[in-house]
Amino acid sequence: MHFATDLTDAQWSIVAPLLPRPAATGRPRADDRRTLNGILHVLRTGCRWRDLPREYGAATTCWRRLQRWQAEGAWPRIWRATLGSLDPTHRQVWADALLEGAFVPGKKAERRAA
């Protein structure tokens, strides 16, 4: 089954070389692409790990791989590479980029006497 949150072949070709290599020994490793799609599914949808669809494999595998890749610095590499793919001419000055957000004022609480 294919979900809307899954990586395309083009996206996977950018990300795959940036992931840490598996250990040469030990039990067979769960597929990196399927595992990454599971991680992205949880991050994009906000579902709980235990509600991860079975098509992505074990939720514990996805969670552990998320933690491992974080510890090994994979996420900043992936972020830089994907941003770079959005600007193939290298004309964008990313230091000048900004993030726009909407702000909603919080409800003001009544002041209480001390």
N, C-alpha and C. Protein backbone atom coordinates (compact mmCIF):
# COMPACT_ATOMS: atom_id res chain seq x y z
N MET A 1 0.84 -1.18 0.00
CA MET A 1 0.00 0.00 0.00
C MET A 1 0.89 1.24 0.00
N HIS A 2 0.48 2.25 -0.72
CA HIS A 2 1.25 3.50 -0.81
C HIS A 2 0.45 4.61 -0.13
N PHE A 3 1.11 5.34 0.76
CA PHE A 3 0.47 6.45 1.46
C PHE A 3 0.97 7.76 0.89
N ALA A 4 0.18 8.79 1.05
CA ALA A 4 0.54 10.12 0.54
C ALA A 4 1.81 10.65 1.20
N THR A 5 2.15 10.15 2.38
CA THR A 5 3.34 10.63 3.08
C THR A 5 4.62 9.92 2.64
N ASP A 6 4.51 8.90 1.79
CA ASP A 6 5.69 8.13 1.38
C ASP A 6 6.58 8.95 0.44
N LEU A 7 7.88 8.68 0.51
CA LEU A 7 8.84 9.34 -0.37
C LEU A 7 8.68 8.86 -1.81
N THR A 8 8.85 9.77 -2.74
CA THR A 8 8.87 9.39 -4.15
C THR A 8 10.24 8.78 -4.46
N ASP A 9 10.37 8.17 -5.63
CA ASP A 9 11.67 7.62 -6.03
C ASP A 9 12.72 8.71 -6.11
N ALA A 10 12.35 9.89 -6.61
CA ALA A 10 13.29 11.00 -6.72
C ALA A 10 13.75 11.47 -5.33
N GLN A 11 12.82 11.58 -4.41
CA GLN A 11 13.19 11.97 -3.04
C GLN A 11 14.08 10.93 -2.40
N TRP A 12 13.75 9.66 -2.57
CA TRP A 12 14.54 8.58 -1.98
C TRP A 12 15.96 8.58 -2.54
N SER A 13 16.12 8.90 -3.83
CA SER A 13 17.46 8.92 -4.42
C SER A 13 18.34 10.00 -3.81
N ILE A 14 17.74 11.05 -3.29
CA ILE A 14 18.50 12.11 -2.61
C ILE A 14 18.85 11.68 -1.18
N VAL A 15 17.89 11.08 -0.50
CA VAL A 15 18.04 10.77 0.92
C VAL A 15 18.87 9.50 1.19
N ALA A 16 18.70 8.48 0.39
CA ALA A 16 19.33 7.17 0.65
C ALA A 16 20.84 7.24 0.89
N PRO A 17 21.60 7.96 0.09
CA PRO A 17 23.05 7.98 0.33
C PRO A 17 23.46 8.71 1.62
N LEU A 18 22.54 9.46 2.21
CA LEU A 18 22.86 10.26 3.39
C LEU A 18 22.60 9.52 4.69
N LEU A 19 21.94 8.38 4.61
CA LEU A 19 21.64 7.60 5.81
C LEU A 19 22.86 6.80 6.24
N PRO A 20 23.04 6.63 7.55
CA PRO A 20 24.16 5.82 8.04
C PRO A 20 24.06 4.40 7.51
N ARG A 21 25.18 3.82 7.22
CA ARG A 21 25.25 2.44 6.72
C ARG A 21 24.96 1.47 7.86
N PRO A 22 24.29 0.37 7.54
CA PRO A 22 24.01 -0.63 8.58
C PRO A 22 25.29 -1.34 9.01
N ALA A 23 25.24 -1.90 10.20
CA ALA A 23 26.38 -2.68 10.69
C ALA A 23 26.57 -3.91 9.80
N ALA A 24 27.80 -4.35 9.67
CA ALA A 24 28.10 -5.49 8.81
C ALA A 24 27.68 -6.81 9.43
N THR A 25 27.46 -6.81 10.74
CA THR A 25 27.08 -8.04 11.41
C THR A 25 25.72 -7.86 12.07
N GLY A 26 25.19 -8.95 12.57
CA GLY A 26 23.91 -8.88 13.27
C GLY A 26 22.76 -9.40 12.42
N ARG A 27 21.57 -9.23 12.94
CA ARG A 27 20.40 -9.73 12.23
C ARG A 27 20.07 -8.86 11.01
N PRO A 28 19.31 -9.42 10.08
CA PRO A 28 18.96 -8.64 8.89
C PRO A 28 18.24 -7.34 9.28
N ARG A 29 18.60 -6.29 8.61
CA ARG A 29 18.09 -4.96 8.92
C ARG A 29 16.76 -4.71 8.20
N ALA A 30 15.86 -4.04 8.90
CA ALA A 30 14.61 -3.62 8.27
C ALA A 30 14.92 -2.62 7.17
N ASP A 31 14.14 -2.64 6.12
CA ASP A 31 14.35 -1.78 4.97
C ASP A 31 14.35 -0.30 5.36
N ASP A 32 15.42 0.41 4.99
CA ASP A 32 15.55 1.83 5.35
C ASP A 32 14.44 2.69 4.77
N ARG A 33 14.09 2.46 3.51
CA ARG A 33 13.05 3.29 2.89
C ARG A 33 11.71 3.11 3.58
N ARG A 34 11.34 1.89 3.83
CA ARG A 34 10.07 1.63 4.50
C ARG A 34 10.08 2.22 5.91
N THR A 35 11.20 2.08 6.60
CA THR A 35 11.33 2.62 7.95
C THR A 35 11.26 4.14 7.94
N LEU A 36 11.96 4.77 7.01
CA LEU A 36 11.91 6.24 6.91
C LEU A 36 10.50 6.71 6.58
N ASN A 37 9.82 6.01 5.69
CA ASN A 37 8.44 6.37 5.40
C ASN A 37 7.57 6.26 6.64
N GLY A 38 7.82 5.28 7.48
CA GLY A 38 7.09 5.16 8.74
C GLY A 38 7.36 6.33 9.67
N ILE A 39 8.62 6.73 9.77
CA ILE A 39 8.99 7.89 10.60
C ILE A 39 8.28 9.13 10.08
N LEU A 40 8.35 9.35 8.78
CA LEU A 40 7.72 10.53 8.20
C LEU A 40 6.21 10.51 8.37
N HIS A 41 5.62 9.32 8.30
CA HIS A 41 4.17 9.21 8.51
C HIS A 41 3.78 9.70 9.90
N VAL A 42 4.52 9.26 10.90
CA VAL A 42 4.23 9.69 12.28
C VAL A 42 4.45 11.20 12.42
N LEU A 43 5.54 11.71 11.87
CA LEU A 43 5.85 13.13 12.01
C LEU A 43 4.85 14.01 11.26
N ARG A 44 4.41 13.57 10.10
CA ARG A 44 3.47 14.37 9.30
C ARG A 44 2.04 14.30 9.80
N THR A 45 1.63 13.13 10.25
CA THR A 45 0.23 12.97 10.65
C THR A 45 0.00 13.23 12.14
N GLY A 46 1.06 13.10 12.93
CA GLY A 46 0.91 13.28 14.37
C GLY A 46 0.32 12.07 15.07
N CYS A 47 0.24 10.94 14.36
CA CYS A 47 -0.32 9.74 15.01
C CYS A 47 0.66 9.21 16.06
N ARG A 48 0.15 8.39 16.95
CA ARG A 48 1.00 7.77 17.95
C ARG A 48 1.81 6.66 17.29
N TRP A 49 2.98 6.40 17.85
CA TRP A 49 3.82 5.33 17.29
C TRP A 49 3.07 4.02 17.23
N ARG A 50 2.31 3.72 18.25
CA ARG A 50 1.62 2.43 18.27
C ARG A 50 0.49 2.36 17.24
N ASP A 51 0.11 3.51 16.66
CA ASP A 51 -0.92 3.52 15.63
C ASP A 51 -0.34 3.54 14.22
N LEU A 52 0.97 3.37 14.11
CA LEU A 52 1.63 3.35 12.81
C LEU A 52 1.10 2.18 11.99
N PRO A 53 0.67 2.42 10.74
CA PRO A 53 0.18 1.30 9.91
C PRO A 53 1.24 0.21 9.75
N ARG A 54 0.80 -1.02 9.74
CA ARG A 54 1.70 -2.18 9.66
C ARG A 54 2.57 -2.18 8.41
N GLU A 55 2.13 -1.50 7.37
CA GLU A 55 2.89 -1.46 6.12
C GLU A 55 4.28 -0.87 6.31
N TYR A 56 4.47 -0.12 7.39
CA TYR A 56 5.77 0.51 7.66
C TYR A 56 6.67 -0.35 8.53
N GLY A 57 6.21 -1.50 8.92
CA GLY A 57 7.00 -2.35 9.80
C GLY A 57 6.70 -2.04 11.26
N ALA A 58 7.59 -2.49 12.12
CA ALA A 58 7.38 -2.33 13.56
C ALA A 58 7.59 -0.88 13.98
N ALA A 59 6.68 -0.37 14.77
CA ALA A 59 6.78 1.00 15.27
C ALA A 59 8.05 1.18 16.09
N THR A 60 8.44 0.15 16.85
CA THR A 60 9.66 0.27 17.65
C THR A 60 10.89 0.40 16.77
N THR A 61 10.90 -0.29 15.63
CA THR A 61 12.02 -0.17 14.69
C THR A 61 12.09 1.25 14.16
N CYS A 62 10.96 1.81 13.77
CA CYS A 62 10.93 3.19 13.26
C CYS A 62 11.40 4.17 14.33
N TRP A 63 10.94 4.00 15.55
CA TRP A 63 11.31 4.92 16.62
C TRP A 63 12.80 4.82 16.92
N ARG A 64 13.31 3.59 17.01
CA ARG A 64 14.74 3.41 17.29
C ARG A 64 15.61 3.96 16.17
N ARG A 65 15.18 3.76 14.93
CA ARG A 65 15.95 4.28 13.81
C ARG A 65 15.92 5.81 13.80
N LEU A 66 14.78 6.40 14.15
CA LEU A 66 14.70 7.86 14.28
C LEU A 66 15.73 8.36 15.29
N GLN A 67 15.80 7.71 16.44
CA GLN A 67 16.75 8.09 17.48
C GLN A 67 18.20 7.88 17.03
N ARG A 68 18.45 6.75 16.39
CA ARG A 68 19.82 6.45 15.93
C ARG A 68 20.27 7.46 14.89
N TRP A 69 19.41 7.73 13.92
CA TRP A 69 19.78 8.67 12.86
C TRP A 69 19.97 10.08 13.42
N GLN A 70 19.21 10.42 14.45
CA GLN A 70 19.40 11.71 15.12
C GLN A 70 20.78 11.76 15.77
N ALA A 71 21.13 10.71 16.49
CA ALA A 71 22.42 10.66 17.19
C ALA A 71 23.59 10.68 16.20
N GLU A 72 23.39 10.12 15.02
CA GLU A 72 24.46 10.05 14.02
C GLU A 72 24.47 11.25 13.07
N GLY A 73 23.59 12.23 13.30
CA GLY A 73 23.61 13.46 12.51
C GLY A 73 23.02 13.35 11.12
N ALA A 74 22.17 12.37 10.88
CA ALA A 74 21.60 12.18 9.54
C ALA A 74 20.60 13.27 9.18
N TRP A 75 19.80 13.73 10.13
CA TRP A 75 18.73 14.67 9.81
C TRP A 75 19.24 16.01 9.28
N PRO A 76 20.28 16.62 9.86
CA PRO A 76 20.79 17.87 9.25
C PRO A 76 21.33 17.65 7.83
N ARG A 77 21.96 16.50 7.57
CA ARG A 77 22.45 16.20 6.22
C ARG A 77 21.28 16.11 5.24
N ILE A 78 20.23 15.42 5.66
CA ILE A 78 19.05 15.26 4.80
C ILE A 78 18.40 16.62 4.56
N TRP A 79 18.29 17.43 5.59
CA TRP A 79 17.68 18.76 5.48
C TRP A 79 18.45 19.61 4.47
N ARG A 80 19.79 19.64 4.60
CA ARG A 80 20.59 20.44 3.67
C ARG A 80 20.47 19.94 2.23
N ALA A 81 20.48 18.63 2.06
CA ALA A 81 20.40 18.07 0.71
C ALA A 81 19.04 18.34 0.07
N THR A 82 17.98 18.19 0.84
CA THR A 82 16.66 18.44 0.25
C THR A 82 16.46 19.92 -0.04
N LEU A 83 16.96 20.79 0.80
CA LEU A 83 16.88 22.22 0.48
C LEU A 83 17.69 22.53 -0.77
N GLY A 84 18.85 21.91 -0.90
CA GLY A 84 19.68 22.11 -2.08
C GLY A 84 19.00 21.64 -3.35
N SER A 85 18.21 20.58 -3.25
CA SER A 85 17.51 20.08 -4.44
C SER A 85 16.40 21.02 -4.86
N LEU A 86 15.92 21.86 -3.96
CA LEU A 86 14.89 22.83 -4.30
C LEU A 86 15.47 24.03 -5.04
N ASP A 87 16.78 24.18 -4.98
CA ASP A 87 17.45 25.31 -5.62
C ASP A 87 18.62 24.80 -6.47
N PRO A 88 18.32 24.14 -7.60
CA PRO A 88 19.40 23.54 -8.39
C PRO A 88 20.37 24.55 -9.00
N THR A 89 19.96 25.80 -9.13
CA THR A 89 20.86 26.80 -9.71
C THR A 89 21.72 27.47 -8.66
N HIS A 90 21.48 27.17 -7.38
CA HIS A 90 22.24 27.71 -6.25
C HIS A 90 22.20 29.24 -6.22
N ARG A 91 21.07 29.80 -6.58
CA ARG A 91 20.92 31.26 -6.59
C ARG A 91 20.22 31.77 -5.34
N GLN A 92 19.55 30.87 -4.63
CA GLN A 92 18.86 31.28 -3.41
C GLN A 92 19.88 31.47 -2.28
N VAL A 93 19.77 32.58 -1.59
CA VAL A 93 20.62 32.82 -0.43
C VAL A 93 19.81 32.37 0.79
N TRP A 94 20.11 31.16 1.26
CA TRP A 94 19.30 30.57 2.34
C TRP A 94 19.41 31.35 3.64
N ALA A 95 20.49 32.08 3.83
CA ALA A 95 20.62 32.89 5.04
C ALA A 95 19.60 34.02 5.05
N ASP A 96 19.12 34.41 3.87
CA ASP A 96 18.13 35.49 3.77
C ASP A 96 16.70 34.97 3.81
N ALA A 97 16.53 33.65 3.81
CA ALA A 97 15.19 33.08 3.83
C ALA A 97 14.58 33.25 5.21
N LEU A 98 13.26 33.30 5.23
CA LEU A 98 12.58 33.41 6.52
C LEU A 98 11.37 32.50 6.54
N LEU A 99 10.94 32.24 7.71
CA LEU A 99 9.77 31.39 7.90
C LEU A 99 8.64 32.28 8.35
N GLU A 100 7.53 32.20 7.66
CA GLU A 100 6.38 33.01 8.03
C GLU A 100 5.43 32.14 8.84
N GLY A 101 4.88 32.72 9.85
CA GLY A 101 3.93 31.99 10.66
C GLY A 101 2.80 32.89 11.09
N ALA A 102 1.70 32.28 11.42
CA ALA A 102 0.56 33.03 11.93
C ALA A 102 0.59 32.96 13.44
N PHE A 103 0.31 34.05 14.06
CA PHE A 103 0.31 34.10 15.51
C PHE A 103 -1.09 34.41 16.00
N VAL A 104 -1.52 33.67 16.97
CA VAL A 104 -2.82 33.89 17.57
C VAL A 104 -2.58 34.30 19.00
N PRO A 105 -3.10 35.47 19.39
CA PRO A 105 -2.85 35.90 20.76
C PRO A 105 -3.50 34.94 21.76
N GLY A 106 -2.79 34.73 22.85
CA GLY A 106 -3.32 33.87 23.90
C GLY A 106 -4.40 34.59 24.69
N LYS A 107 -5.24 33.82 25.29
CA LYS A 107 -6.31 34.38 26.11
C LYS A 107 -5.68 34.97 27.36
N LYS A 108 -5.99 36.21 27.63
CA LYS A 108 -5.39 36.86 28.80
C LYS A 108 -6.12 36.43 30.06
N ALA A 109 -5.33 36.03 31.01
CA ALA A 109 -5.90 35.62 32.29
C ALA A 109 -6.11 36.87 33.15
N GLU A 110 -7.09 36.78 34.01
CA GLU A 110 -7.32 37.90 34.92
C GLU A 110 -6.16 38.02 35.88
N ARG A 111 -5.82 39.24 36.18
CA ARG A 111 -4.78 39.43 37.16
C ARG A 111 -5.36 39.18 38.54
N ARG A 112 -4.60 38.46 39.30
CA ARG A 112 -5.07 38.15 40.64
C ARG A 112 -4.20 38.86 41.65
N ALA A 113 -4.82 39.29 42.67
CA ALA A 113 -4.06 39.96 43.74
C ALA A 113 -3.17 38.96 44.44
N ALA A 114 -1.97 39.36 44.74
CA ALA A 114 -1.03 38.47 45.39
C ALA A 114 -1.38 38.27 46.84
